[in-house]
């Protein structure tokens, strides 16, 4: 029989009538519906998926110079540098023996640093794809490159903050209280760093002198561990966030607290029965808008609060179904991005408090994300072992 005959025969078969299969068909349908209910795997808005990790992917950074490369680190003790355009692997940052929780490029994209939980930090030269320096500290809490120099800063669980020149390895330490240095940020002037600690204190360090310029503790500090710190574009204001659900605005020159943003708990805390856990909430991420006097604070209970710095008041509350893991502002507009435990990335207009768009594709919580300079792409990492690239070009551009 010729192809034409076969085609005619096929036409004669009435597929609708194969009723014997029906119970099966129903089973299929309900399974599909369940997937949609979960909403996680139902849609994938991403352009590129990077799937070389074999466990949760904890961190991601984009190379600042070209925004064409990403580095990701994961629970599989691996870190990879790969191309954002197609997910192609450039090289593996090998040799880690614990979860890689910190990874980032130097300001000029010449080096990439990877750090694991046990405190092994490695620096690689990107063009040569080779390791140029490594050092072991105590358990690593955070790590950050200097904004203008080949200098790396890291905070450890023993309360120390370390600073190295790369690749020479010249080293300085800043001794904090005897508790973990939980978060840190080099201020835009490159001369000072702000470090937050588990005991609720915050210090502003002079990087050259190695001395602490200001210490905020007691009433000025927080009641619980600090979770995040940020500074505005010129470094005049610092904001600190804590497990105590407060965000404090601090004048970096005087070390004085300008104001405290408190999130009122919507539900009054019921007395806790034995074996019950209290509903926990904390500040998870915060940041300043570059183009308006606004700051955003993201909470574990899913609240995104937009504060007006000139009036020191709450301007908008944007509610998420699940906890916010991290937030980032667009570099040159009043748009704030959030990623959350429900696996979605959302864009919010901070002026109106309205959601602009939402992107899905992960089947587990998003653990970290990065936005490129012109705010055209977002790179996310997730508990589903994947990193994804989303195109977020907006119609209003």
Protein backbone atom coordinates (compact mmCIF):
# COMPACT_ATOMS: atom_id res chain seq x y z
CA UNK A 1 0.00 0.00 0.00
CA UNK A 2 1.22 3.47 -0.85
CA UNK A 3 1.52 6.26 1.68
CA UNK A 4 -1.70 7.76 0.30
CA UNK A 5 -3.63 4.54 0.90
CA UNK A 6 -2.35 4.42 4.46
CA UNK A 7 -3.39 8.00 5.04
CA UNK A 8 -6.91 7.22 3.80
CA UNK A 9 -7.10 4.15 6.02
CA UNK A 10 -6.05 6.27 9.00
CA UNK A 11 -8.81 8.72 8.23
CA UNK A 12 -11.33 5.92 8.43
CA UNK A 13 -10.36 5.09 11.98
CA UNK A 14 -12.53 7.08 14.37
CA UNK A 15 -10.35 7.82 17.36
CA UNK A 16 -13.26 9.26 19.32
CA UNK A 17 -14.91 5.86 19.56
CA UNK A 18 -12.19 4.01 21.44
CA UNK A 19 -14.31 4.08 24.58
CA UNK A 20 -12.68 1.07 26.19
CA UNK A 21 -9.81 3.28 27.38
CA UNK A 22 -11.99 5.69 29.29
CA UNK A 23 -11.19 4.86 32.93
CA UNK A 24 -7.57 5.38 32.04
CA UNK A 25 -8.25 8.69 30.39
CA UNK A 26 -9.92 9.93 33.55
CA UNK A 27 -6.95 8.92 35.65
CA UNK A 28 -4.70 10.91 33.34
CA UNK A 29 -6.85 13.98 33.63
CA UNK A 30 -6.91 14.05 37.39
CA UNK A 31 -3.12 13.70 37.50
CA UNK A 32 -2.75 16.66 35.20
CA UNK A 33 -5.09 18.72 37.33
CA UNK A 34 -3.01 17.97 40.39
CA UNK A 35 0.07 19.33 38.66
CA UNK A 36 -1.78 22.52 37.87
CA UNK A 37 -2.99 22.76 41.47
CA UNK A 38 0.59 22.72 42.66
CA UNK A 39 1.22 25.42 40.09
CA UNK A 40 4.92 24.74 40.24
CA UNK A 41 5.66 22.48 37.32
CA UNK A 42 2.61 23.52 35.37
CA UNK A 43 4.37 26.27 33.46
CA UNK A 44 7.95 27.04 32.58
CA UNK A 45 8.55 30.62 31.50
CA UNK A 46 12.33 30.24 31.44
CA UNK A 47 14.49 30.53 28.32
CA UNK A 48 17.45 28.48 29.52
CA UNK A 49 17.79 25.77 32.17
CA UNK A 50 21.17 24.86 33.64
CA UNK A 51 20.96 21.39 35.12
CA UNK A 52 24.48 20.16 35.90
CA UNK A 53 23.93 20.40 39.67
CA UNK A 54 22.74 17.22 41.37
CA UNK A 55 21.30 18.85 44.52
CA UNK A 56 19.87 22.21 45.68
CA UNK A 57 21.53 25.23 44.05
CA UNK A 58 22.21 27.78 46.79
CA UNK A 59 23.77 30.80 45.12
CA UNK A 60 24.19 32.63 41.82
CA UNK A 61 26.06 35.71 40.60
CA UNK A 62 26.40 37.33 37.19
CA UNK A 63 29.70 38.65 35.92
CA UNK A 64 29.44 42.46 36.38
CA UNK A 65 31.33 43.46 33.24
CA UNK A 66 29.38 41.70 30.50
CA UNK A 67 26.51 39.96 32.36
CA UNK A 68 27.05 37.02 30.00
CA UNK A 69 28.39 34.53 32.57
CA UNK A 70 26.83 33.09 35.71
CA UNK A 71 28.43 31.20 38.57
CA UNK A 72 26.30 28.85 40.66
CA UNK A 73 27.12 26.86 43.79
CA UNK A 74 25.22 23.99 45.31
CA UNK A 75 24.63 21.38 47.94
CA UNK A 76 26.46 18.88 45.70
CA UNK A 77 29.79 20.56 46.73
CA UNK A 78 30.11 21.90 43.19
CA UNK A 79 30.34 25.31 41.56
CA UNK A 80 30.07 25.98 37.84
CA UNK A 81 30.73 28.98 35.60
CA UNK A 82 28.39 28.89 32.61
CA UNK A 83 27.04 31.00 29.77
CA UNK A 84 23.72 32.67 30.39
CA UNK A 85 22.73 32.72 26.70
CA UNK A 86 22.60 28.93 26.27
CA UNK A 87 23.51 27.32 29.61
CA UNK A 88 26.81 26.07 28.15
CA UNK A 89 29.38 25.12 30.81
CA UNK A 90 32.57 27.23 30.75
CA UNK A 91 34.36 25.43 33.58
CA UNK A 92 33.81 23.70 36.90
CA UNK A 93 35.26 25.24 40.08
CA UNK A 94 36.36 21.90 41.46
CA UNK A 95 37.85 20.84 44.77
CA UNK A 96 35.16 21.83 47.27
CA UNK A 97 34.29 19.27 49.92
CA UNK A 98 31.16 20.91 51.33
CA UNK A 99 28.08 22.77 50.03
CA UNK A 100 29.09 25.81 47.99
CA UNK A 101 27.06 28.62 49.56
CA UNK A 102 28.89 31.71 48.25
CA UNK A 103 30.03 32.54 44.73
CA UNK A 104 30.75 35.79 42.92
CA UNK A 105 32.80 37.62 40.31
CA UNK A 106 35.25 40.45 40.99
CA UNK A 107 34.14 43.96 39.91
CA UNK A 108 35.91 43.62 36.54
CA UNK A 109 34.94 39.96 35.95
CA UNK A 110 38.60 38.89 35.93
CA UNK A 111 38.21 36.55 38.91
CA UNK A 112 35.48 34.36 40.31
CA UNK A 113 35.45 33.26 43.96
CA UNK A 114 33.65 30.24 45.38
CA UNK A 115 33.25 29.46 49.07
CA UNK A 116 31.89 26.38 50.81
CA UNK A 117 30.25 25.98 54.21
CA UNK A 118 33.35 24.49 55.83
CA UNK A 119 35.27 27.66 54.96
CA UNK A 120 37.32 26.66 51.92
CA UNK A 121 37.46 29.66 49.57
CA UNK A 122 38.89 29.37 46.06
CA UNK A 123 39.52 32.05 43.45
CA UNK A 124 39.72 31.29 39.73
CA UNK A 125 40.94 33.37 36.82
CA UNK A 126 37.99 33.35 34.43
CA UNK A 127 39.79 33.66 31.09
CA UNK A 128 42.38 30.98 31.95
CA UNK A 129 39.77 28.84 33.78
CA UNK A 130 42.36 28.09 36.44
CA UNK A 131 42.56 28.34 40.22
CA UNK A 132 44.89 31.14 41.34
CA UNK A 133 44.34 31.22 45.12
CA UNK A 134 42.71 29.33 47.93
CA UNK A 135 42.43 29.73 51.70
CA UNK A 136 40.64 27.98 54.52
CA UNK A 137 38.81 29.88 57.27
CA UNK A 138 36.25 28.77 59.88
CA UNK A 139 32.68 27.99 58.86
CA UNK A 140 31.75 30.51 56.17
CA UNK A 141 28.71 32.78 56.60
CA UNK A 142 29.05 35.21 53.68
CA UNK A 143 31.55 36.47 51.13
CA UNK A 144 31.75 39.61 48.99
CA UNK A 145 34.11 41.22 46.48
CA UNK A 146 35.26 44.82 46.86
CA UNK A 147 33.43 47.15 44.42
CA UNK A 148 36.64 48.63 42.95
CA UNK A 149 39.57 46.31 43.73
CA UNK A 150 40.70 42.69 43.71
CA UNK A 151 39.92 42.39 47.40
CA UNK A 152 37.70 39.73 48.94
CA UNK A 153 35.83 40.00 52.24
CA UNK A 154 34.30 37.08 54.14
CA UNK A 155 32.53 36.60 57.47
CA UNK A 156 32.86 33.44 59.55
CA UNK A 157 31.06 31.66 62.38
CA UNK A 158 33.77 32.61 64.92
CA UNK A 159 32.86 36.29 64.52
CA UNK A 160 35.81 37.26 62.36
CA UNK A 161 35.66 39.16 59.10
CA UNK A 162 38.56 38.38 56.78
CA UNK A 163 39.95 40.56 54.01
CA UNK A 164 42.40 39.37 51.35
CA UNK A 165 44.17 40.94 48.40
CA UNK A 166 43.81 38.60 45.44
CA UNK A 167 45.89 36.85 44.19
CA UNK A 168 48.73 37.83 46.58
CA UNK A 169 46.73 36.68 49.61
CA UNK A 170 47.76 39.60 51.88
CA UNK A 171 45.34 39.31 54.76
CA UNK A 172 43.68 41.33 57.50
CA UNK A 173 41.08 40.25 60.07
CA UNK A 174 38.45 42.27 61.89
CA UNK A 175 37.51 40.69 65.16
CA UNK A 176 33.85 40.90 66.06
CA UNK A 177 32.04 39.54 69.12
CA UNK A 178 32.46 35.82 69.81
CA UNK A 179 29.46 34.85 67.68
CA UNK A 180 28.91 34.42 63.93
CA UNK A 181 29.32 37.37 61.57
CA UNK A 182 26.01 36.62 59.86
CA UNK A 183 25.99 39.21 57.06
CA UNK A 184 28.18 41.93 55.62
CA UNK A 185 28.49 44.51 52.90
CA UNK A 186 31.32 46.75 51.67
CA UNK A 187 30.06 50.33 51.43
CA UNK A 188 30.20 52.06 48.02
CA UNK A 189 33.20 54.22 49.04
CA UNK A 190 35.23 51.00 49.26
CA UNK A 191 36.78 52.19 52.53
CA UNK A 192 34.26 50.86 55.02
CA UNK A 193 32.27 47.70 55.56
CA UNK A 194 29.18 47.06 57.63
CA UNK A 195 28.95 43.68 59.37
CA UNK A 196 26.00 42.22 61.29
CA UNK A 197 26.33 39.61 64.01
CA UNK A 198 24.28 36.85 65.60
CA UNK A 199 24.06 38.70 68.92
CA UNK A 200 22.10 41.54 67.27
CA UNK A 201 25.03 43.96 67.05
CA UNK A 202 26.24 45.77 63.94
CA UNK A 203 29.66 47.28 63.30
CA UNK A 204 30.98 49.67 60.70
CA UNK A 205 34.64 48.87 60.04
CA UNK A 206 37.40 51.04 58.61
CA UNK A 207 38.97 48.60 56.14
CA UNK A 208 42.31 50.42 55.96
CA UNK A 209 42.86 50.94 59.67
CA UNK A 210 41.21 47.70 60.74
CA UNK A 211 39.29 49.55 63.44
CA UNK A 212 35.58 49.69 64.12
CA UNK A 213 34.14 53.17 63.51
CA UNK A 214 30.70 52.52 65.02
CA UNK A 215 29.14 49.74 67.07
CA UNK A 216 25.37 49.46 67.38
CA UNK A 217 24.27 47.30 70.28
CA UNK A 218 21.71 47.18 73.06
CA UNK A 219 18.76 49.43 72.16
CA UNK A 220 20.51 50.61 68.98
CA UNK A 221 21.19 47.09 67.84
CA UNK A 222 18.72 44.29 67.22
CA UNK A 223 17.22 41.85 69.72
CA UNK A 224 17.95 38.84 67.50
CA UNK A 225 20.53 37.80 64.90
CA UNK A 226 21.00 40.06 61.86
CA UNK A 227 20.00 38.43 58.59
CA UNK A 228 20.87 41.09 56.00
CA UNK A 229 22.41 44.51 55.47
CA UNK A 230 22.24 46.94 52.57
CA UNK A 231 23.35 50.46 51.74
CA UNK A 232 21.99 53.13 49.44
CA UNK A 233 23.86 54.18 46.31
CA UNK A 234 26.14 56.77 47.93
CA UNK A 235 26.61 54.77 51.12
CA UNK A 236 25.17 57.48 53.38
CA UNK A 237 22.41 55.18 54.65
CA UNK A 238 22.59 51.60 55.85
CA UNK A 239 19.67 49.32 56.51
CA UNK A 240 19.87 46.23 58.73
CA UNK A 241 17.34 43.41 58.96
CA UNK A 242 16.94 40.85 61.71
CA UNK A 243 15.08 37.82 62.98
CA UNK A 244 13.40 40.30 65.37
CA UNK A 245 11.34 41.54 62.35
CA UNK A 246 12.74 45.06 62.62
CA UNK A 247 14.60 46.90 59.88
CA UNK A 248 16.79 49.75 61.09
CA UNK A 249 17.86 52.73 59.04
CA UNK A 250 21.30 53.97 60.11
CA UNK A 251 23.31 57.06 59.15
CA UNK A 252 26.67 55.53 58.15
CA UNK A 253 28.66 58.68 58.96
CA UNK A 254 27.41 59.07 62.53
CA UNK A 255 26.40 55.49 63.30
CA UNK A 256 23.07 56.77 64.60
CA UNK A 257 19.77 54.96 64.07
CA UNK A 258 17.57 57.25 61.95
CA UNK A 259 14.43 55.17 62.26
CA UNK A 260 13.11 51.67 62.90
CA UNK A 261 10.62 49.99 60.60
CA UNK A 262 8.52 47.47 62.52
CA UNK A 263 6.17 45.06 60.86
CA UNK A 264 3.04 44.65 62.96
CA UNK A 265 2.08 41.01 63.06
CA UNK A 266 -1.33 40.65 61.44
CA UNK A 267 -2.36 37.70 63.61
CA UNK A 268 -2.08 38.13 67.37
CA UNK A 269 0.23 35.44 68.69
CA UNK A 270 -1.87 32.79 70.38
CA UNK A 271 -0.35 31.17 73.47
CA UNK A 272 1.73 28.26 72.27
CA UNK A 273 0.67 24.81 73.38
CA UNK A 274 3.29 22.23 74.21
CA UNK A 275 5.05 20.87 71.16
CA UNK A 276 3.60 23.59 68.94
CA UNK A 277 5.85 25.90 67.04
CA UNK A 278 5.38 29.63 67.04
CA UNK A 279 4.65 31.17 63.65
CA UNK A 280 8.10 32.49 62.84
CA UNK A 281 8.72 35.66 60.91
CA UNK A 282 11.89 37.58 60.16
CA UNK A 283 13.39 40.09 57.76
CA UNK A 284 14.97 38.01 54.98
CA UNK A 285 16.15 40.64 52.51
CA UNK A 286 16.18 44.39 51.99
CA UNK A 287 17.41 47.05 49.60
CA UNK A 288 17.30 50.68 48.52
CA UNK A 289 15.81 52.08 45.32
CA UNK A 290 18.33 54.10 43.28
CA UNK A 291 15.88 56.50 41.64
CA UNK A 292 13.43 57.36 44.44
CA UNK A 293 13.75 57.64 48.25
CA UNK A 294 12.28 54.16 48.76
CA UNK A 295 13.42 51.02 50.51
CA UNK A 296 12.02 47.50 50.32
CA UNK A 297 11.95 44.89 53.06
CA UNK A 298 11.02 41.26 52.45
CA UNK A 299 9.72 39.08 55.26
CA UNK A 300 9.53 35.34 55.85
CA UNK A 301 5.73 35.59 56.17
CA UNK A 302 5.52 36.73 52.54
CA UNK A 303 5.11 40.47 53.12
CA UNK A 304 6.98 42.86 50.85
CA UNK A 305 6.97 46.27 52.54
CA UNK A 306 7.86 49.40 50.58
CA UNK A 307 8.92 52.24 52.87
CA UNK A 308 9.11 55.93 51.98
CA UNK A 309 12.41 57.17 53.40
CA UNK A 310 11.54 60.88 53.24
CA UNK A 311 8.48 60.42 55.46
CA UNK A 312 9.77 57.24 57.16
CA UNK A 313 6.41 55.61 56.61
CA UNK A 314 5.02 52.42 55.07
CA UNK A 315 3.96 53.14 51.51
CA UNK A 316 2.82 49.72 50.25
CA UNK A 317 2.38 46.19 51.50
CA UNK A 318 2.57 43.55 48.78
CA UNK A 319 1.50 40.13 50.00
CA UNK A 320 3.00 36.86 48.75
CA UNK A 321 1.46 33.46 49.42
CA UNK A 322 4.75 32.19 50.83
CA UNK A 323 7.98 33.51 52.31
CA UNK A 324 10.25 35.93 50.46
CA UNK A 325 13.78 34.59 50.12
CA UNK A 326 15.40 37.58 48.48
CA UNK A 327 14.61 40.89 46.81
CA UNK A 328 16.52 43.10 44.37
CA UNK A 329 15.82 46.53 42.92
CA UNK A 330 16.25 47.30 39.26
CA UNK A 331 19.27 49.53 38.81
CA UNK A 332 17.50 52.46 37.19
CA UNK A 333 13.81 52.26 38.01
CA UNK A 334 11.40 51.87 40.91
CA UNK A 335 10.83 48.18 40.20
CA UNK A 336 11.59 45.59 42.84
CA UNK A 337 12.00 41.86 42.18
CA UNK A 338 11.19 39.15 44.71
CA UNK A 339 11.77 35.43 44.72
CA UNK A 340 9.93 33.20 47.13
CA UNK A 341 9.45 29.76 48.57
CA UNK A 342 6.66 29.06 46.07
CA UNK A 343 9.19 29.01 43.23
CA UNK A 344 8.11 32.20 41.47
CA UNK A 345 9.89 35.47 40.59
CA UNK A 346 7.72 38.56 40.76
CA UNK A 347 8.21 42.14 39.61
CA UNK A 348 6.53 44.92 41.59
CA UNK A 349 6.03 48.58 40.79
CA UNK A 350 7.08 50.26 44.03
CA UNK A 351 5.22 53.44 43.15
CA UNK A 352 1.80 51.79 42.88
CA UNK A 353 2.47 48.66 44.93
CA UNK A 354 1.07 46.59 42.05
CA UNK A 355 2.56 43.39 40.68
CA UNK A 356 3.85 43.88 37.13
CA UNK A 357 4.52 40.25 36.22
CA UNK A 358 5.29 36.81 37.55
CA UNK A 359 7.58 34.10 36.19
CA UNK A 360 7.47 30.40 37.01
CA UNK A 361 9.40 27.32 36.04
CA UNK A 362 10.92 25.89 39.19
CA UNK A 363 9.36 22.90 40.95
CA UNK A 364 10.77 23.93 44.34
CA UNK A 365 11.62 27.09 46.27
CA UNK A 366 13.94 29.67 44.70
CA UNK A 367 17.02 30.06 46.89
CA UNK A 368 18.86 32.91 45.16
CA UNK A 369 18.61 35.08 42.06
CA UNK A 370 20.41 37.80 40.14
CA UNK A 371 19.21 40.51 37.74
CA UNK A 372 21.40 41.81 34.92
CA UNK A 373 22.25 45.50 34.49
CA UNK A 374 19.62 46.46 31.94
CA UNK A 375 17.00 44.39 33.77
CA UNK A 376 16.30 42.18 30.77
CA UNK A 377 17.06 38.83 32.40
CA UNK A 378 16.78 37.16 35.80
CA UNK A 379 18.85 34.10 36.73
CA UNK A 380 17.42 31.94 39.52
CA UNK A 381 18.61 28.94 41.53
CA UNK A 382 16.37 26.46 43.29
CA UNK A 383 15.93 23.48 45.53
CA UNK A 384 14.92 21.56 42.38
CA UNK A 385 18.66 21.25 41.47
CA UNK A 386 18.31 23.72 38.59
CA UNK A 387 19.27 27.23 37.65
CA UNK A 388 17.08 29.06 35.15
CA UNK A 389 17.29 32.15 32.99
CA UNK A 390 14.13 34.21 32.51
CA UNK A 391 13.70 37.02 29.99
CA UNK A 392 11.84 39.84 31.69
CA UNK A 393 11.87 42.56 29.05
CA UNK A 394 8.82 44.64 29.74
CA UNK A 395 6.49 46.28 27.23
CA UNK A 396 6.97 49.74 28.78
CA UNK A 397 10.61 49.91 27.67
